[in-house]
């Protein structure tokens, strides 16, 4: 015969399981759109591994912590929309957003995932993470700009199927960019 504590625990577990099932059955589906990385991670890993002839693992990047009420009040602005498309590498793995949505179109979203995976994989192969050890911030920035240009050129030459999404990503980044010099050129005097 079971102990009374075991019976209570089993009953609580049974009730919890059924309450969760009932909640899921009647709850609304989440409104988030986009393609989860978990659904295409294996395909991306195979793609970059074939392209670079070395296995490169792909993981989901941790999202930014939500801004607190006080930080939003102090800064007076919200975060940029492109924060969801941030990606990174630690020199061994590629980190991509857990969910990505490009213009509500799954085909464009898959192409963007491929582009981000190839860009970061090229940085792993080139060992670009070594730039982080440079002491001068200005020198580090110049090396990272040169590295970005080299990676883009590599993509144009070796992955021509990604050229269209690369051009689209570049033009979107330029459209979001708002520098004082650019404003002076466009403002009539």
N, C-alpha and C. Protein backbone atom coordinates (compact mmCIF):
# COMPACT_ATOMS: atom_id res chain seq x y z
N UNK A 1 0.84 -1.17 0.00
CA UNK A 1 0.00 0.00 0.00
C UNK A 1 0.89 1.25 0.00
N UNK A 2 0.49 2.25 -0.78
CA UNK A 2 1.27 3.48 -0.90
C UNK A 2 1.13 4.32 0.35
N UNK A 3 2.15 5.12 0.56
CA UNK A 3 2.15 6.06 1.67
C UNK A 3 1.18 7.20 1.36
N UNK A 4 0.62 7.86 2.37
CA UNK A 4 -0.31 8.96 2.13
C UNK A 4 0.32 10.11 1.34
N UNK A 5 1.62 10.37 1.57
CA UNK A 5 2.30 11.44 0.84
C UNK A 5 2.36 11.11 -0.64
N UNK A 6 2.63 9.83 -0.97
CA UNK A 6 2.70 9.42 -2.37
C UNK A 6 1.34 9.57 -3.05
N UNK A 7 0.27 9.23 -2.34
CA UNK A 7 -1.07 9.38 -2.90
C UNK A 7 -1.40 10.84 -3.17
N UNK A 8 -1.02 11.71 -2.26
CA UNK A 8 -1.27 13.14 -2.44
C UNK A 8 -0.48 13.67 -3.63
N UNK A 9 0.79 13.27 -3.74
CA UNK A 9 1.62 13.71 -4.87
C UNK A 9 1.06 13.20 -6.20
N UNK A 10 0.65 11.93 -6.26
CA UNK A 10 0.07 11.38 -7.49
C UNK A 10 -1.21 12.10 -7.85
N UNK A 11 -2.05 12.39 -6.87
CA UNK A 11 -3.29 13.12 -7.14
C UNK A 11 -3.02 14.52 -7.64
N UNK A 12 -2.06 15.20 -7.04
CA UNK A 12 -1.70 16.56 -7.48
C UNK A 12 -1.15 16.52 -8.90
N UNK A 13 -0.31 15.54 -9.20
CA UNK A 13 0.25 15.40 -10.54
C UNK A 13 -0.86 15.15 -11.56
N UNK A 14 -1.79 14.25 -11.24
CA UNK A 14 -2.91 13.94 -12.12
C UNK A 14 -3.77 15.18 -12.37
N UNK A 15 -4.09 15.92 -11.32
CA UNK A 15 -4.91 17.12 -11.45
C UNK A 15 -4.20 18.20 -12.26
N UNK A 16 -2.91 18.35 -12.05
CA UNK A 16 -2.14 19.35 -12.78
C UNK A 16 -2.10 19.02 -14.28
N UNK A 17 -1.86 17.75 -14.61
CA UNK A 17 -1.83 17.34 -16.02
C UNK A 17 -3.16 17.62 -16.70
N UNK A 18 -4.24 17.29 -16.06
CA UNK A 18 -5.54 17.50 -16.68
C UNK A 18 -5.91 18.99 -16.75
N UNK A 19 -5.54 19.76 -15.76
CA UNK A 19 -5.80 21.20 -15.80
C UNK A 19 -4.99 21.85 -16.94
N UNK A 20 -3.74 21.44 -17.11
CA UNK A 20 -2.91 21.98 -18.20
C UNK A 20 -3.49 21.61 -19.55
N UNK A 21 -3.93 20.35 -19.71
CA UNK A 21 -4.54 19.92 -20.98
C UNK A 21 -5.80 20.71 -21.28
N UNK A 22 -6.62 20.93 -20.26
CA UNK A 22 -7.84 21.70 -20.43
C UNK A 22 -7.52 23.15 -20.81
N UNK A 23 -6.53 23.73 -20.15
CA UNK A 23 -6.12 25.11 -20.44
C UNK A 23 -5.63 25.23 -21.88
N UNK A 24 -4.80 24.30 -22.31
CA UNK A 24 -4.28 24.34 -23.69
C UNK A 24 -5.39 24.15 -24.72
N UNK A 25 -6.35 23.33 -24.40
CA UNK A 25 -7.44 23.06 -25.33
C UNK A 25 -8.29 24.31 -25.56
N UNK A 26 -8.48 25.12 -24.53
CA UNK A 26 -9.38 26.26 -24.63
C UNK A 26 -8.66 27.60 -24.73
N UNK A 27 -7.37 27.62 -24.62
CA UNK A 27 -6.62 28.87 -24.72
C UNK A 27 -6.47 29.26 -26.18
N UNK A 28 -6.33 30.54 -26.43
CA UNK A 28 -6.10 31.03 -27.79
C UNK A 28 -4.70 30.66 -28.24
N UNK A 29 -4.57 30.48 -29.53
CA UNK A 29 -3.24 30.23 -30.09
C UNK A 29 -2.42 31.51 -29.97
N UNK A 30 -1.12 31.39 -29.74
CA UNK A 30 -0.30 32.60 -29.63
C UNK A 30 -0.30 33.39 -30.93
N UNK A 31 -0.28 34.70 -30.81
CA UNK A 31 -0.35 35.57 -31.97
C UNK A 31 1.00 35.77 -32.65
N UNK A 32 2.05 35.17 -32.11
CA UNK A 32 3.37 35.39 -32.69
C UNK A 32 3.46 34.71 -34.05
N UNK A 33 3.98 35.44 -35.00
CA UNK A 33 4.18 34.88 -36.32
C UNK A 33 5.67 34.72 -36.54
N UNK A 34 6.01 34.06 -37.58
CA UNK A 34 7.41 33.87 -37.90
C UNK A 34 7.77 32.40 -37.93
N UNK A 35 9.02 32.16 -38.26
CA UNK A 35 9.52 30.80 -38.38
C UNK A 35 10.44 30.53 -37.19
N UNK A 36 10.12 29.51 -36.38
CA UNK A 36 11.00 29.18 -35.26
C UNK A 36 12.28 28.50 -35.75
N UNK A 37 13.39 28.86 -35.16
CA UNK A 37 14.67 28.27 -35.52
C UNK A 37 14.66 26.77 -35.29
N UNK A 38 13.96 26.30 -34.28
CA UNK A 38 13.93 24.87 -33.96
C UNK A 38 13.41 24.04 -35.13
N UNK A 39 12.53 24.62 -35.96
CA UNK A 39 11.98 23.88 -37.09
C UNK A 39 12.97 23.73 -38.25
N UNK A 40 13.93 24.63 -38.36
CA UNK A 40 14.83 24.59 -39.52
C UNK A 40 16.31 24.48 -39.15
N UNK A 41 16.60 24.34 -37.87
CA UNK A 41 18.00 24.31 -37.41
C UNK A 41 18.81 23.22 -38.09
N UNK A 42 18.27 22.02 -38.19
CA UNK A 42 19.02 20.90 -38.79
C UNK A 42 19.33 21.18 -40.26
N UNK A 43 18.35 21.73 -40.99
CA UNK A 43 18.58 22.06 -42.40
C UNK A 43 19.67 23.12 -42.53
N UNK A 44 19.63 24.14 -41.66
CA UNK A 44 20.66 25.18 -41.71
C UNK A 44 22.04 24.61 -41.40
N UNK A 45 22.12 23.74 -40.39
CA UNK A 45 23.40 23.13 -40.05
C UNK A 45 23.95 22.31 -41.21
N UNK A 46 23.09 21.55 -41.87
CA UNK A 46 23.54 20.77 -43.04
C UNK A 46 23.99 21.69 -44.16
N UNK A 47 23.26 22.78 -44.38
CA UNK A 47 23.60 23.73 -45.44
C UNK A 47 24.98 24.36 -45.21
N UNK A 48 25.21 24.90 -44.01
CA UNK A 48 26.49 25.56 -43.76
C UNK A 48 27.63 24.54 -43.66
N UNK A 49 27.33 23.35 -43.17
CA UNK A 49 28.37 22.31 -43.11
C UNK A 49 28.80 21.90 -44.50
N UNK A 50 27.86 21.81 -45.43
CA UNK A 50 28.20 21.47 -46.81
C UNK A 50 28.93 22.62 -47.49
N UNK A 51 28.52 23.84 -47.21
CA UNK A 51 29.13 25.01 -47.85
C UNK A 51 30.56 25.24 -47.38
N UNK A 52 30.82 25.00 -46.10
CA UNK A 52 32.14 25.27 -45.53
C UNK A 52 32.94 24.00 -45.27
N UNK A 53 32.41 22.84 -45.59
CA UNK A 53 33.04 21.53 -45.41
C UNK A 53 33.54 21.29 -43.99
N UNK A 54 32.83 21.81 -43.04
CA UNK A 54 33.14 21.58 -41.63
C UNK A 54 31.83 21.70 -40.84
N UNK A 55 31.62 20.86 -39.84
CA UNK A 55 30.37 20.96 -39.08
C UNK A 55 30.36 22.22 -38.21
N UNK A 56 29.28 22.98 -38.34
CA UNK A 56 29.13 24.21 -37.57
C UNK A 56 27.78 24.15 -36.87
N UNK A 57 27.76 24.04 -35.53
CA UNK A 57 26.49 23.98 -34.80
C UNK A 57 25.79 25.33 -34.77
N UNK A 58 24.46 25.29 -34.79
CA UNK A 58 23.64 26.50 -34.75
C UNK A 58 22.75 26.43 -33.52
N UNK A 59 22.71 27.52 -32.76
CA UNK A 59 21.92 27.60 -31.53
C UNK A 59 21.07 28.85 -31.57
N UNK A 60 20.07 28.89 -30.71
CA UNK A 60 19.22 30.08 -30.59
C UNK A 60 19.90 31.07 -29.66
N UNK A 61 19.89 32.32 -30.05
CA UNK A 61 20.47 33.38 -29.22
C UNK A 61 19.44 33.78 -28.18
N UNK A 62 19.91 34.11 -27.01
CA UNK A 62 19.01 34.55 -25.95
C UNK A 62 18.46 35.92 -26.32
N UNK A 63 17.15 36.12 -26.21
CA UNK A 63 16.59 37.44 -26.52
C UNK A 63 17.01 38.46 -25.46
N UNK A 64 16.94 39.72 -25.86
CA UNK A 64 17.23 40.80 -24.91
C UNK A 64 16.24 40.76 -23.76
N UNK A 65 16.71 41.12 -22.61
CA UNK A 65 15.80 41.26 -21.48
C UNK A 65 14.87 42.44 -21.77
N UNK A 66 13.62 42.32 -21.40
CA UNK A 66 12.71 43.44 -21.67
C UNK A 66 13.17 44.69 -20.91
N UNK A 67 13.00 45.82 -21.56
CA UNK A 67 13.39 47.08 -20.94
C UNK A 67 12.45 47.37 -19.77
N UNK A 68 13.01 47.81 -18.69
CA UNK A 68 12.19 48.14 -17.52
C UNK A 68 11.46 49.45 -17.79
N UNK A 69 10.44 49.70 -16.99
CA UNK A 69 9.67 50.91 -17.13
C UNK A 69 10.57 52.12 -16.90
N UNK A 70 11.46 52.03 -15.94
CA UNK A 70 12.33 53.14 -15.62
C UNK A 70 13.32 53.42 -16.75
N UNK A 71 13.88 52.37 -17.37
CA UNK A 71 14.83 52.59 -18.46
C UNK A 71 14.13 53.17 -19.69
N UNK A 72 12.88 52.75 -19.95
CA UNK A 72 12.13 53.33 -21.06
C UNK A 72 11.83 54.80 -20.80
N UNK A 73 11.51 55.12 -19.56
CA UNK A 73 11.23 56.50 -19.20
C UNK A 73 12.49 57.36 -19.34
N UNK A 74 13.63 56.81 -18.91
CA UNK A 74 14.88 57.57 -18.95
C UNK A 74 15.38 57.77 -20.38
N UNK A 75 15.25 56.74 -21.22
CA UNK A 75 15.79 56.85 -22.58
C UNK A 75 14.83 57.59 -23.51
N UNK A 76 13.54 57.53 -23.23
CA UNK A 76 12.58 58.24 -24.05
C UNK A 76 12.33 57.61 -25.40
N UNK A 77 12.84 56.40 -25.64
CA UNK A 77 12.60 55.73 -26.93
C UNK A 77 12.56 54.23 -26.73
N UNK A 78 12.00 53.60 -27.72
CA UNK A 78 11.91 52.15 -27.70
C UNK A 78 13.08 51.55 -28.46
N UNK A 79 13.29 50.26 -28.28
CA UNK A 79 14.34 49.58 -29.03
C UNK A 79 13.98 49.51 -30.50
N UNK A 80 14.99 49.42 -31.32
CA UNK A 80 14.77 49.32 -32.76
C UNK A 80 14.11 47.99 -33.11
N UNK A 81 13.40 47.96 -34.26
CA UNK A 81 12.71 46.76 -34.69
C UNK A 81 13.68 45.65 -35.07
N UNK A 82 14.85 45.97 -35.54
CA UNK A 82 15.76 44.96 -36.05
C UNK A 82 16.47 44.17 -34.95
N UNK A 83 16.17 44.44 -33.68
CA UNK A 83 16.79 43.67 -32.60
C UNK A 83 16.51 42.18 -32.72
N UNK A 84 15.36 41.81 -33.31
CA UNK A 84 15.01 40.40 -33.43
C UNK A 84 15.92 39.68 -34.42
N UNK A 85 16.57 40.40 -35.31
CA UNK A 85 17.43 39.77 -36.31
C UNK A 85 18.89 39.75 -35.89
N UNK A 86 19.18 40.01 -34.63
CA UNK A 86 20.56 39.96 -34.17
C UNK A 86 21.07 38.53 -34.18
N UNK A 87 22.32 38.37 -34.53
CA UNK A 87 22.94 37.06 -34.52
C UNK A 87 24.38 37.24 -34.05
N UNK A 88 25.05 36.13 -33.75
CA UNK A 88 26.40 36.22 -33.21
C UNK A 88 27.12 34.90 -33.41
N UNK A 89 28.39 34.92 -33.07
CA UNK A 89 29.19 33.70 -33.04
C UNK A 89 30.22 33.83 -31.92
N UNK A 90 30.57 32.70 -31.35
CA UNK A 90 31.61 32.68 -30.33
C UNK A 90 32.89 32.06 -30.86
N UNK A 91 32.96 31.88 -32.16
CA UNK A 91 34.13 31.26 -32.78
C UNK A 91 33.96 29.77 -32.99
N UNK A 92 32.92 29.18 -32.40
CA UNK A 92 32.65 27.75 -32.56
C UNK A 92 31.23 27.47 -33.00
N UNK A 93 30.28 28.28 -32.53
CA UNK A 93 28.86 28.09 -32.82
C UNK A 93 28.28 29.37 -33.42
N UNK A 94 27.20 29.18 -34.17
CA UNK A 94 26.44 30.30 -34.71
C UNK A 94 25.19 30.47 -33.85
N UNK A 95 24.91 31.69 -33.45
CA UNK A 95 23.72 32.00 -32.66
C UNK A 95 22.78 32.84 -33.51
N UNK A 96 21.56 32.31 -33.70
CA UNK A 96 20.55 32.99 -34.51
C UNK A 96 19.30 33.24 -33.66
N UNK A 97 18.43 34.16 -34.09
CA UNK A 97 17.20 34.42 -33.33
C UNK A 97 16.33 33.17 -33.23
N UNK A 98 15.68 32.97 -32.10
CA UNK A 98 14.81 31.82 -31.90
C UNK A 98 13.61 31.83 -32.82
N UNK A 99 13.07 33.01 -33.12
CA UNK A 99 11.96 33.17 -34.06
C UNK A 99 12.28 34.39 -34.91
N UNK A 100 12.07 34.26 -36.21
CA UNK A 100 12.37 35.36 -37.13
C UNK A 100 11.17 35.52 -38.06
N UNK A 101 10.81 36.75 -38.34
CA UNK A 101 9.72 37.04 -39.27
C UNK A 101 10.14 38.19 -40.16
N UNK A 102 10.27 37.93 -41.45
CA UNK A 102 10.66 38.95 -42.40
C UNK A 102 9.46 39.25 -43.28
N UNK A 103 8.86 40.42 -43.07
CA UNK A 103 7.73 40.90 -43.87
C UNK A 103 6.57 39.90 -43.90
N UNK A 104 6.42 39.08 -42.86
CA UNK A 104 5.32 38.13 -42.82
C UNK A 104 5.38 37.05 -43.87
N UNK A 105 6.54 36.87 -44.49
CA UNK A 105 6.69 35.92 -45.59
C UNK A 105 7.67 34.83 -45.17
N UNK A 106 7.21 33.57 -45.12
CA UNK A 106 8.06 32.46 -44.69
C UNK A 106 9.24 32.25 -45.62
N UNK A 107 9.05 32.46 -46.92
CA UNK A 107 10.15 32.26 -47.88
C UNK A 107 11.28 33.27 -47.64
N UNK A 108 10.91 34.53 -47.44
CA UNK A 108 11.93 35.55 -47.14
C UNK A 108 12.58 35.30 -45.79
N UNK A 109 11.80 34.81 -44.84
CA UNK A 109 12.34 34.51 -43.52
C UNK A 109 13.36 33.38 -43.59
N UNK A 110 13.06 32.33 -44.35
CA UNK A 110 14.02 31.23 -44.52
C UNK A 110 15.29 31.71 -45.21
N UNK A 111 15.13 32.58 -46.21
CA UNK A 111 16.30 33.13 -46.91
C UNK A 111 17.15 33.97 -45.94
N UNK A 112 16.49 34.74 -45.07
CA UNK A 112 17.24 35.55 -44.10
C UNK A 112 17.97 34.66 -43.10
N UNK A 113 17.32 33.59 -42.64
CA UNK A 113 18.00 32.64 -41.76
C UNK A 113 19.24 32.07 -42.45
N UNK A 114 19.11 31.69 -43.73
CA UNK A 114 20.27 31.15 -44.47
C UNK A 114 21.38 32.19 -44.55
N UNK A 115 21.01 33.44 -44.87
CA UNK A 115 22.01 34.50 -44.98
C UNK A 115 22.74 34.71 -43.66
N UNK A 116 21.99 34.82 -42.56
CA UNK A 116 22.61 35.04 -41.26
C UNK A 116 23.50 33.87 -40.87
N UNK A 117 23.06 32.64 -41.16
CA UNK A 117 23.86 31.45 -40.84
C UNK A 117 25.15 31.43 -41.64
N UNK A 118 25.07 31.77 -42.92
CA UNK A 118 26.27 31.77 -43.77
C UNK A 118 27.23 32.87 -43.34
N UNK A 119 26.70 34.06 -43.06
CA UNK A 119 27.57 35.16 -42.62
C UNK A 119 28.34 34.78 -41.35
N UNK A 120 27.64 34.27 -40.36
CA UNK A 120 28.30 33.92 -39.11
C UNK A 120 29.23 32.72 -39.28
N UNK A 121 28.87 31.77 -40.12
CA UNK A 121 29.74 30.63 -40.37
C UNK A 121 31.02 31.06 -41.06
N UNK A 122 30.91 32.02 -41.98
CA UNK A 122 32.11 32.55 -42.65
C UNK A 122 33.01 33.23 -41.62
N UNK A 123 32.44 33.88 -40.65
CA UNK A 123 33.24 34.52 -39.60
C UNK A 123 33.94 33.47 -38.73
N UNK A 124 33.28 32.33 -38.52
CA UNK A 124 33.92 31.25 -37.76
C UNK A 124 35.11 30.71 -38.54
N UNK A 125 34.91 30.45 -39.83
CA UNK A 125 35.98 29.90 -40.66
C UNK A 125 37.13 30.90 -40.78
N UNK A 126 36.81 32.19 -40.89
CA UNK A 126 37.84 33.23 -40.99
C UNK A 126 38.47 33.55 -39.64
N UNK A 127 37.93 33.02 -38.56
CA UNK A 127 38.38 33.30 -37.19
C UNK A 127 38.31 34.79 -36.87
N UNK A 128 37.20 35.38 -37.24
CA UNK A 128 36.99 36.82 -37.02
C UNK A 128 36.85 37.18 -35.56
N UNK A 129 36.56 36.22 -34.70
CA UNK A 129 36.40 36.53 -33.28
C UNK A 129 37.70 37.04 -32.66
N UNK A 130 38.81 36.84 -33.35
CA UNK A 130 40.10 37.32 -32.84
C UNK A 130 40.14 38.85 -32.79
N UNK A 131 39.30 39.53 -33.59
CA UNK A 131 39.27 40.99 -33.58
C UNK A 131 38.84 41.55 -32.24
N UNK A 132 38.10 40.77 -31.48
CA UNK A 132 37.60 41.24 -30.19
C UNK A 132 38.74 41.51 -29.21
N UNK A 133 39.90 40.91 -29.46
CA UNK A 133 41.05 41.10 -28.55
C UNK A 133 41.82 42.37 -28.82
N UNK A 134 41.51 43.07 -29.91
CA UNK A 134 42.20 44.33 -30.20
C UNK A 134 41.88 45.35 -29.12
N UNK A 135 42.87 46.06 -28.65
CA UNK A 135 42.66 47.00 -27.54
C UNK A 135 42.04 48.31 -28.00
N UNK A 136 42.42 48.78 -29.15
CA UNK A 136 41.89 50.05 -29.64
C UNK A 136 40.50 49.82 -30.24
N UNK A 137 39.55 50.55 -29.70
CA UNK A 137 38.16 50.40 -30.19
C UNK A 137 38.04 50.82 -31.65
N UNK A 138 38.74 51.88 -32.04
CA UNK A 138 38.68 52.35 -33.42
C UNK A 138 39.29 51.31 -34.36
N UNK A 139 40.40 50.73 -34.00
CA UNK A 139 41.03 49.70 -34.82
C UNK A 139 40.13 48.48 -34.93
N UNK A 140 39.53 48.09 -33.83
CA UNK A 140 38.61 46.95 -33.83
C UNK A 140 37.42 47.21 -34.76
N UNK A 141 36.88 48.43 -34.71
CA UNK A 141 35.75 48.78 -35.58
C UNK A 141 36.15 48.71 -37.06
N UNK A 142 37.34 49.20 -37.37
CA UNK A 142 37.81 49.16 -38.77
C UNK A 142 38.01 47.72 -39.25
N UNK A 143 38.56 46.87 -38.38
CA UNK A 143 38.72 45.46 -38.75
C UNK A 143 37.35 44.80 -38.94
N UNK A 144 36.39 45.13 -38.11
CA UNK A 144 35.06 44.52 -38.25
C UNK A 144 34.36 45.00 -39.51
N UNK A 145 34.55 46.26 -39.89
CA UNK A 145 34.00 46.75 -41.15
C UNK A 145 34.63 46.04 -42.34
N UNK A 146 35.94 45.89 -42.30
CA UNK A 146 36.64 45.18 -43.38
C UNK A 146 36.19 43.72 -43.44
N UNK A 147 36.03 43.11 -42.28
CA UNK A 147 35.58 41.72 -42.23
C UNK A 147 34.18 41.57 -42.81
N UNK A 148 33.29 42.51 -42.50
CA UNK A 148 31.93 42.47 -43.04
C UNK A 148 31.95 42.57 -44.56
N UNK A 149 32.79 43.45 -45.10
CA UNK A 149 32.90 43.59 -46.55
C UNK A 149 33.45 42.31 -47.18
N UNK A 150 34.43 41.69 -46.54
CA UNK A 150 35.01 40.46 -47.06
C UNK A 150 33.99 39.33 -47.04
N UNK A 151 33.23 39.22 -45.96
CA UNK A 151 32.20 38.17 -45.86
C UNK A 151 31.12 38.39 -46.93
N UNK A 152 30.70 39.64 -47.12
CA UNK A 152 29.70 39.92 -48.16
C UNK A 152 30.23 39.56 -49.54
N UNK A 153 31.47 39.89 -49.80
CA UNK A 153 32.08 39.55 -51.10
C UNK A 153 32.17 38.03 -51.27
N UNK A 154 32.51 37.33 -50.20
CA UNK A 154 32.58 35.86 -50.25
C UNK A 154 31.21 35.28 -50.59
N UNK A 155 30.17 35.83 -49.99
CA UNK A 155 28.82 35.34 -50.27
C UNK A 155 28.46 35.57 -51.73
N UNK A 156 28.78 36.74 -52.26
CA UNK A 156 28.47 37.04 -53.66
C UNK A 156 29.18 36.04 -54.58
N UNK A 157 30.41 35.69 -54.28
CA UNK A 157 31.17 34.79 -55.14
C UNK A 157 30.81 33.31 -54.94
N UNK A 158 30.55 32.89 -53.71
CA UNK A 158 30.40 31.47 -53.41
C UNK A 158 28.97 31.01 -53.11
N UNK A 159 28.07 31.92 -52.86
CA UNK A 159 26.67 31.56 -52.58
C UNK A 159 25.75 32.51 -53.35
N UNK A 160 25.74 32.41 -54.67
CA UNK A 160 24.97 33.36 -55.48
C UNK A 160 23.46 33.33 -55.21
N UNK A 161 22.96 32.26 -54.64
CA UNK A 161 21.54 32.21 -54.31
C UNK A 161 21.15 33.15 -53.18
N UNK A 162 22.12 33.65 -52.45
CA UNK A 162 21.84 34.55 -51.33
C UNK A 162 22.05 36.02 -51.69
N UNK A 163 22.44 36.30 -52.93
CA UNK A 163 22.75 37.68 -53.32
C UNK A 163 21.52 38.58 -53.22
N UNK A 164 20.36 38.07 -53.61
CA UNK A 164 19.14 38.89 -53.58
C UNK A 164 18.77 39.28 -52.14
N UNK A 165 18.80 38.33 -51.23
CA UNK A 165 18.45 38.64 -49.84
C UNK A 165 19.54 39.50 -49.20
N UNK A 166 20.81 39.33 -49.61
CA UNK A 166 21.89 40.17 -49.11
C UNK A 166 21.66 41.62 -49.55
N UNK A 167 21.30 41.83 -50.81
CA UNK A 167 21.03 43.19 -51.30
C UNK A 167 19.83 43.79 -50.58
N UNK A 168 18.82 42.98 -50.34
CA UNK A 168 17.63 43.44 -49.62
C UNK A 168 17.98 43.83 -48.19
N UNK A 169 18.79 43.01 -47.52
CA UNK A 169 19.20 43.31 -46.14
C UNK A 169 20.05 44.58 -46.08
N UNK A 170 20.93 44.75 -47.06
CA UNK A 170 21.75 45.97 -47.11
C UNK A 170 20.88 47.21 -47.28
N UNK A 171 19.94 47.16 -48.22
CA UNK A 171 19.10 48.34 -48.46
C UNK A 171 18.20 48.63 -47.26
N UNK A 172 17.72 47.60 -46.57
CA UNK A 172 16.91 47.82 -45.37
C UNK A 172 17.75 48.46 -44.27
N UNK A 173 19.00 48.01 -44.13
CA UNK A 173 19.88 48.59 -43.11
C UNK A 173 20.20 50.05 -43.43
N UNK A 174 20.42 50.36 -44.70
CA UNK A 174 20.69 51.75 -45.09
C UNK A 174 19.46 52.62 -44.88
N UNK A 175 18.28 52.09 -45.12
CA UNK A 175 17.05 52.87 -44.93
C UNK A 175 16.84 53.19 -43.45
N UNK A 176 17.20 52.27 -42.56
CA UNK A 176 17.03 52.50 -41.12
C UNK A 176 18.08 53.44 -40.56
N UNK A 177 19.20 53.52 -41.23
CA UNK A 177 20.32 54.32 -40.75
C UNK A 177 20.00 55.80 -40.89
N UNK A 178 20.22 56.55 -39.84
CA UNK A 178 19.93 57.97 -39.86
C UNK A 178 21.11 58.69 -39.23
N UNK A 179 22.04 59.11 -40.05
CA UNK A 179 23.22 59.82 -39.54
C UNK A 179 23.06 61.30 -39.80
N UNK A 180 23.73 62.14 -39.03
CA UNK A 180 23.64 63.59 -39.27
C UNK A 180 24.12 63.97 -40.66
N UNK A 181 25.18 63.30 -41.17
CA UNK A 181 25.71 63.63 -42.49
C UNK A 181 24.67 63.34 -43.57
N UNK A 182 23.97 62.22 -43.43
CA UNK A 182 22.94 61.85 -44.40
C UNK A 182 21.79 62.83 -44.36
N UNK A 183 21.41 63.28 -43.16
CA UNK A 183 20.32 64.24 -43.03
C UNK A 183 20.71 65.58 -43.66
N UNK A 184 21.97 65.99 -43.50
CA UNK A 184 22.42 67.25 -44.09
C UNK A 184 22.37 67.19 -45.61
N UNK A 185 22.69 66.02 -46.17
CA UNK A 185 22.68 65.89 -47.63
C UNK A 185 21.25 65.95 -48.18
N UNK A 186 20.29 65.46 -47.43
CA UNK A 186 18.93 65.43 -47.94
C UNK A 186 18.11 66.65 -47.58
N UNK A 187 18.51 67.41 -46.54
CA UNK A 187 17.75 68.59 -46.14
C UNK A 187 18.09 69.77 -47.04
N UNK A 188 17.04 70.44 -47.58
CA UNK A 188 17.31 71.63 -48.40
C UNK A 188 17.77 72.80 -47.51
N UNK A 189 18.66 73.58 -48.03
CA UNK A 189 19.21 74.71 -47.26
C UNK A 189 18.54 75.98 -47.63
